[in-house]
Amino acid sequence: MFRHVVMFRWADGVDDAHIAEVARRLDELPVAIPVIRSYRHGVDARVNDGNFDYVVVADFDSADDYVVYRDHPVHAAFIADALTGRVADRAAMQYRC
């Protein structure tokens, strides 16, 4: 299994309605991109100070499948429409599990 984890801090002015729209659109990605095996995402629980605001955890059968997801036009459109200009900070990594 190959896992992709990405975390965001929202830019100033991103409201709850936009975050709900991000969640809705993220829920659509596994239908549009069949190489996704598991897809979880959510808002930070605010238990610890300094955490990121939002996380996505995606599992794939292989690194090659992750690259299909990474480069998929539906994923690229989601990033352009929902994230570009709205993310102040981003951290990501991929690992085999």
N, C-alpha and C. Protein backbone atom coordinates (compact mmCIF):
# COMPACT_ATOMS: atom_id res chain seq x y z
N MET A 1 0.85 -1.18 0.00
CA MET A 1 0.00 0.00 0.00
C MET A 1 0.89 1.24 0.00
N PHE A 2 0.40 2.28 -0.63
CA PHE A 2 1.12 3.55 -0.74
C PHE A 2 0.19 4.64 -0.24
N ARG A 3 0.66 5.43 0.72
CA ARG A 3 -0.19 6.45 1.37
C ARG A 3 0.32 7.85 1.06
N HIS A 4 -0.64 8.72 0.80
CA HIS A 4 -0.39 10.15 0.58
C HIS A 4 -1.12 10.91 1.68
N VAL A 5 -0.39 11.79 2.37
CA VAL A 5 -0.97 12.62 3.42
C VAL A 5 -0.66 14.07 3.08
N VAL A 6 -1.69 14.91 3.09
CA VAL A 6 -1.48 16.34 2.85
C VAL A 6 -2.29 17.13 3.87
N MET A 7 -1.66 18.18 4.40
CA MET A 7 -2.30 19.03 5.41
C MET A 7 -2.25 20.47 4.94
N PHE A 8 -3.32 21.22 5.28
CA PHE A 8 -3.43 22.61 4.87
C PHE A 8 -3.69 23.50 6.07
N ARG A 9 -3.18 24.72 5.98
CA ARG A 9 -3.64 25.83 6.81
C ARG A 9 -4.34 26.78 5.85
N TRP A 10 -5.56 27.14 6.18
CA TRP A 10 -6.33 28.01 5.29
C TRP A 10 -5.81 29.44 5.34
N ALA A 11 -5.92 30.11 4.24
CA ALA A 11 -5.59 31.54 4.16
C ALA A 11 -6.68 32.33 4.87
N ASP A 12 -6.35 33.55 5.23
CA ASP A 12 -7.34 34.44 5.83
C ASP A 12 -8.53 34.57 4.89
N GLY A 13 -9.71 34.57 5.47
CA GLY A 13 -10.92 34.78 4.70
C GLY A 13 -11.60 33.51 4.23
N VAL A 14 -10.97 32.35 4.39
CA VAL A 14 -11.63 31.10 4.01
C VAL A 14 -12.68 30.79 5.08
N ASP A 15 -13.93 30.68 4.64
CA ASP A 15 -15.02 30.50 5.60
C ASP A 15 -15.52 29.05 5.63
N ASP A 16 -16.43 28.80 6.57
CA ASP A 16 -16.96 27.44 6.75
C ASP A 16 -17.67 26.94 5.50
N ALA A 17 -18.32 27.81 4.77
CA ALA A 17 -19.01 27.39 3.55
C ALA A 17 -18.01 26.87 2.52
N HIS A 18 -16.86 27.54 2.40
CA HIS A 18 -15.86 27.06 1.45
C HIS A 18 -15.27 25.73 1.91
N ILE A 19 -15.03 25.59 3.19
CA ILE A 19 -14.49 24.33 3.71
C ILE A 19 -15.47 23.19 3.47
N ALA A 20 -16.75 23.45 3.63
CA ALA A 20 -17.77 22.44 3.33
C ALA A 20 -17.76 22.08 1.85
N GLU A 21 -17.55 23.05 0.98
CA GLU A 21 -17.46 22.80 -0.45
C GLU A 21 -16.22 21.97 -0.77
N VAL A 22 -15.10 22.25 -0.12
CA VAL A 22 -13.89 21.44 -0.29
C VAL A 22 -14.19 20.00 0.08
N ALA A 23 -14.82 19.78 1.22
CA ALA A 23 -15.15 18.43 1.66
C ALA A 23 -16.05 17.72 0.65
N ARG A 24 -17.05 18.41 0.15
CA ARG A 24 -17.96 17.82 -0.82
C ARG A 24 -17.21 17.40 -2.08
N ARG A 25 -16.33 18.27 -2.55
CA ARG A 25 -15.59 17.97 -3.77
C ARG A 25 -14.56 16.86 -3.55
N LEU A 26 -13.97 16.82 -2.36
CA LEU A 26 -13.05 15.72 -2.05
C LEU A 26 -13.79 14.39 -2.05
N ASP A 27 -15.02 14.37 -1.56
CA ASP A 27 -15.81 13.14 -1.56
C ASP A 27 -16.06 12.62 -2.97
N GLU A 28 -16.02 13.48 -3.96
CA GLU A 28 -16.26 13.08 -5.35
C GLU A 28 -15.02 12.46 -6.01
N LEU A 29 -13.84 12.73 -5.48
CA LEU A 29 -12.62 12.27 -6.16
C LEU A 29 -12.51 10.75 -6.28
N PRO A 30 -12.84 9.96 -5.24
CA PRO A 30 -12.71 8.50 -5.41
C PRO A 30 -13.62 7.93 -6.51
N VAL A 31 -14.74 8.57 -6.77
CA VAL A 31 -15.62 8.12 -7.84
C VAL A 31 -14.98 8.44 -9.20
N ALA A 32 -14.36 9.60 -9.30
CA ALA A 32 -13.77 10.05 -10.56
C ALA A 32 -12.42 9.42 -10.85
N ILE A 33 -11.72 8.99 -9.79
CA ILE A 33 -10.35 8.47 -9.94
C ILE A 33 -10.30 7.09 -9.30
N PRO A 34 -10.56 6.04 -10.05
CA PRO A 34 -10.71 4.70 -9.48
C PRO A 34 -9.47 4.10 -8.83
N VAL A 35 -8.28 4.66 -9.05
CA VAL A 35 -7.08 4.09 -8.41
C VAL A 35 -7.03 4.39 -6.91
N ILE A 36 -7.88 5.27 -6.44
CA ILE A 36 -7.94 5.57 -5.00
C ILE A 36 -8.57 4.38 -4.29
N ARG A 37 -7.86 3.81 -3.30
CA ARG A 37 -8.36 2.67 -2.54
C ARG A 37 -9.09 3.11 -1.27
N SER A 38 -8.59 4.15 -0.63
CA SER A 38 -9.20 4.69 0.59
C SER A 38 -8.96 6.19 0.59
N TYR A 39 -9.97 6.94 1.03
CA TYR A 39 -9.85 8.40 0.99
C TYR A 39 -10.54 8.96 2.21
N ARG A 40 -9.78 9.56 3.08
CA ARG A 40 -10.31 10.17 4.30
C ARG A 40 -9.83 11.61 4.36
N HIS A 41 -10.67 12.47 4.90
CA HIS A 41 -10.28 13.87 5.04
C HIS A 41 -11.13 14.50 6.13
N GLY A 42 -10.62 15.60 6.70
CA GLY A 42 -11.41 16.26 7.72
C GLY A 42 -10.73 17.46 8.34
N VAL A 43 -11.52 18.16 9.13
CA VAL A 43 -11.10 19.37 9.84
C VAL A 43 -10.39 18.96 11.12
N ASP A 44 -9.34 19.71 11.48
CA ASP A 44 -8.63 19.45 12.73
C ASP A 44 -9.58 19.53 13.92
N ALA A 45 -9.39 18.66 14.89
CA ALA A 45 -10.25 18.60 16.08
C ALA A 45 -9.96 19.70 17.08
N ARG A 46 -8.91 20.46 16.87
CA ARG A 46 -8.55 21.59 17.74
C ARG A 46 -8.23 21.16 19.17
N VAL A 47 -7.61 20.00 19.30
CA VAL A 47 -7.18 19.52 20.61
C VAL A 47 -5.83 20.13 20.98
N ASN A 48 -4.96 20.29 19.98
CA ASN A 48 -3.62 20.84 20.19
C ASN A 48 -3.45 22.13 19.40
N ASP A 49 -2.79 23.10 20.02
CA ASP A 49 -2.46 24.35 19.33
C ASP A 49 -1.41 24.08 18.24
N GLY A 50 -1.46 24.87 17.20
CA GLY A 50 -0.42 24.81 16.17
C GLY A 50 -0.65 23.78 15.08
N ASN A 51 -1.73 23.01 15.15
CA ASN A 51 -1.99 22.02 14.11
C ASN A 51 -2.41 22.69 12.81
N PHE A 52 -2.33 21.93 11.74
CA PHE A 52 -2.90 22.36 10.48
C PHE A 52 -4.42 22.34 10.59
N ASP A 53 -5.10 22.96 9.63
CA ASP A 53 -6.56 23.08 9.68
C ASP A 53 -7.30 21.91 9.06
N TYR A 54 -6.70 21.27 8.05
CA TYR A 54 -7.41 20.25 7.29
C TYR A 54 -6.42 19.19 6.83
N VAL A 55 -6.87 17.94 6.76
CA VAL A 55 -6.00 16.85 6.32
C VAL A 55 -6.73 15.97 5.30
N VAL A 56 -5.93 15.42 4.37
CA VAL A 56 -6.40 14.40 3.44
C VAL A 56 -5.43 13.23 3.54
N VAL A 57 -5.97 12.02 3.69
CA VAL A 57 -5.18 10.80 3.72
C VAL A 57 -5.74 9.88 2.65
N ALA A 58 -4.90 9.56 1.67
CA ALA A 58 -5.34 8.74 0.54
C ALA A 58 -4.43 7.53 0.41
N ASP A 59 -5.03 6.37 0.17
CA ASP A 59 -4.28 5.13 -0.01
C ASP A 59 -4.44 4.63 -1.44
N PHE A 60 -3.34 4.06 -1.94
CA PHE A 60 -3.26 3.53 -3.30
C PHE A 60 -2.56 2.19 -3.25
N ASP A 61 -2.73 1.40 -4.29
CA ASP A 61 -2.03 0.12 -4.35
C ASP A 61 -0.54 0.29 -4.61
N SER A 62 -0.16 1.39 -5.25
CA SER A 62 1.25 1.57 -5.62
C SER A 62 1.57 3.05 -5.79
N ALA A 63 2.85 3.35 -5.86
CA ALA A 63 3.29 4.72 -6.15
C ALA A 63 2.82 5.14 -7.55
N ASP A 64 2.79 4.21 -8.48
CA ASP A 64 2.31 4.53 -9.82
C ASP A 64 0.84 4.97 -9.79
N ASP A 65 0.03 4.30 -8.97
CA ASP A 65 -1.37 4.70 -8.86
C ASP A 65 -1.49 6.08 -8.21
N TYR A 66 -0.64 6.37 -7.24
CA TYR A 66 -0.63 7.71 -6.65
C TYR A 66 -0.34 8.77 -7.73
N VAL A 67 0.61 8.49 -8.60
CA VAL A 67 0.96 9.45 -9.66
C VAL A 67 -0.24 9.65 -10.61
N VAL A 68 -0.98 8.59 -10.89
CA VAL A 68 -2.20 8.73 -11.70
C VAL A 68 -3.15 9.72 -11.02
N TYR A 69 -3.36 9.55 -9.72
CA TYR A 69 -4.20 10.47 -8.94
C TYR A 69 -3.63 11.89 -8.96
N ARG A 70 -2.36 12.00 -8.66
CA ARG A 70 -1.70 13.32 -8.59
C ARG A 70 -1.88 14.10 -9.88
N ASP A 71 -1.77 13.42 -11.00
CA ASP A 71 -1.79 14.08 -12.30
C ASP A 71 -3.17 14.05 -12.98
N HIS A 72 -4.14 13.46 -12.33
CA HIS A 72 -5.47 13.31 -12.95
C HIS A 72 -6.11 14.68 -13.16
N PRO A 73 -6.74 14.92 -14.31
CA PRO A 73 -7.34 16.23 -14.58
C PRO A 73 -8.45 16.63 -13.60
N VAL A 74 -9.19 15.67 -13.06
CA VAL A 74 -10.23 16.01 -12.07
C VAL A 74 -9.57 16.51 -10.78
N HIS A 75 -8.48 15.88 -10.38
CA HIS A 75 -7.74 16.31 -9.20
C HIS A 75 -7.13 17.69 -9.44
N ALA A 76 -6.54 17.88 -10.61
CA ALA A 76 -5.94 19.19 -10.94
C ALA A 76 -6.99 20.29 -10.95
N ALA A 77 -8.17 19.99 -11.46
CA ALA A 77 -9.25 21.00 -11.47
C ALA A 77 -9.69 21.33 -10.06
N PHE A 78 -9.78 20.32 -9.20
CA PHE A 78 -10.14 20.56 -7.80
C PHE A 78 -9.13 21.50 -7.15
N ILE A 79 -7.85 21.24 -7.34
CA ILE A 79 -6.80 22.09 -6.75
C ILE A 79 -6.94 23.52 -7.27
N ALA A 80 -7.08 23.67 -8.57
CA ALA A 80 -7.18 25.01 -9.16
C ALA A 80 -8.41 25.76 -8.67
N ASP A 81 -9.53 25.08 -8.60
CA ASP A 81 -10.79 25.73 -8.24
C ASP A 81 -10.97 25.95 -6.74
N ALA A 82 -10.54 24.99 -5.94
CA ALA A 82 -10.89 25.01 -4.51
C ALA A 82 -9.74 25.37 -3.59
N LEU A 83 -8.50 25.18 -4.03
CA LEU A 83 -7.37 25.37 -3.11
C LEU A 83 -6.46 26.54 -3.49
N THR A 84 -6.20 26.72 -4.76
CA THR A 84 -5.27 27.77 -5.17
C THR A 84 -5.74 29.13 -4.67
N GLY A 85 -4.85 29.82 -3.96
CA GLY A 85 -5.17 31.12 -3.39
C GLY A 85 -5.89 31.06 -2.06
N ARG A 86 -6.23 29.86 -1.61
CA ARG A 86 -6.97 29.72 -0.35
C ARG A 86 -6.18 28.97 0.71
N VAL A 87 -4.99 28.53 0.36
CA VAL A 87 -4.14 27.78 1.29
C VAL A 87 -2.93 28.63 1.65
N ALA A 88 -2.75 28.86 2.94
CA ALA A 88 -1.61 29.65 3.40
C ALA A 88 -0.36 28.79 3.57
N ASP A 89 -0.57 27.53 3.93
CA ASP A 89 0.56 26.64 4.20
C ASP A 89 0.12 25.22 3.89
N ARG A 90 1.05 24.44 3.35
CA ARG A 90 0.76 23.06 2.96
C ARG A 90 1.94 22.18 3.32
N ALA A 91 1.66 20.99 3.81
CA ALA A 91 2.69 19.98 4.06
C ALA A 91 2.16 18.67 3.52
N ALA A 92 3.04 17.90 2.89
CA ALA A 92 2.62 16.61 2.33
C ALA A 92 3.77 15.63 2.39
N MET A 93 3.39 14.37 2.37
CA MET A 93 4.38 13.29 2.24
C MET A 93 3.68 12.05 1.73
N GLN A 94 4.48 11.17 1.17
CA GLN A 94 4.00 9.87 0.72
C GLN A 94 4.91 8.82 1.32
N TYR A 95 4.31 7.67 1.66
CA TYR A 95 5.11 6.58 2.21
C TYR A 95 4.45 5.24 1.95
N ARG A 96 5.27 4.21 2.00
CA ARG A 96 4.75 2.85 1.84
C ARG A 96 4.32 2.34 3.20
N CYS A 97 3.18 1.69 3.24
CA CYS A 97 2.69 1.15 4.53
C CYS A 97 2.16 -0.26 4.35
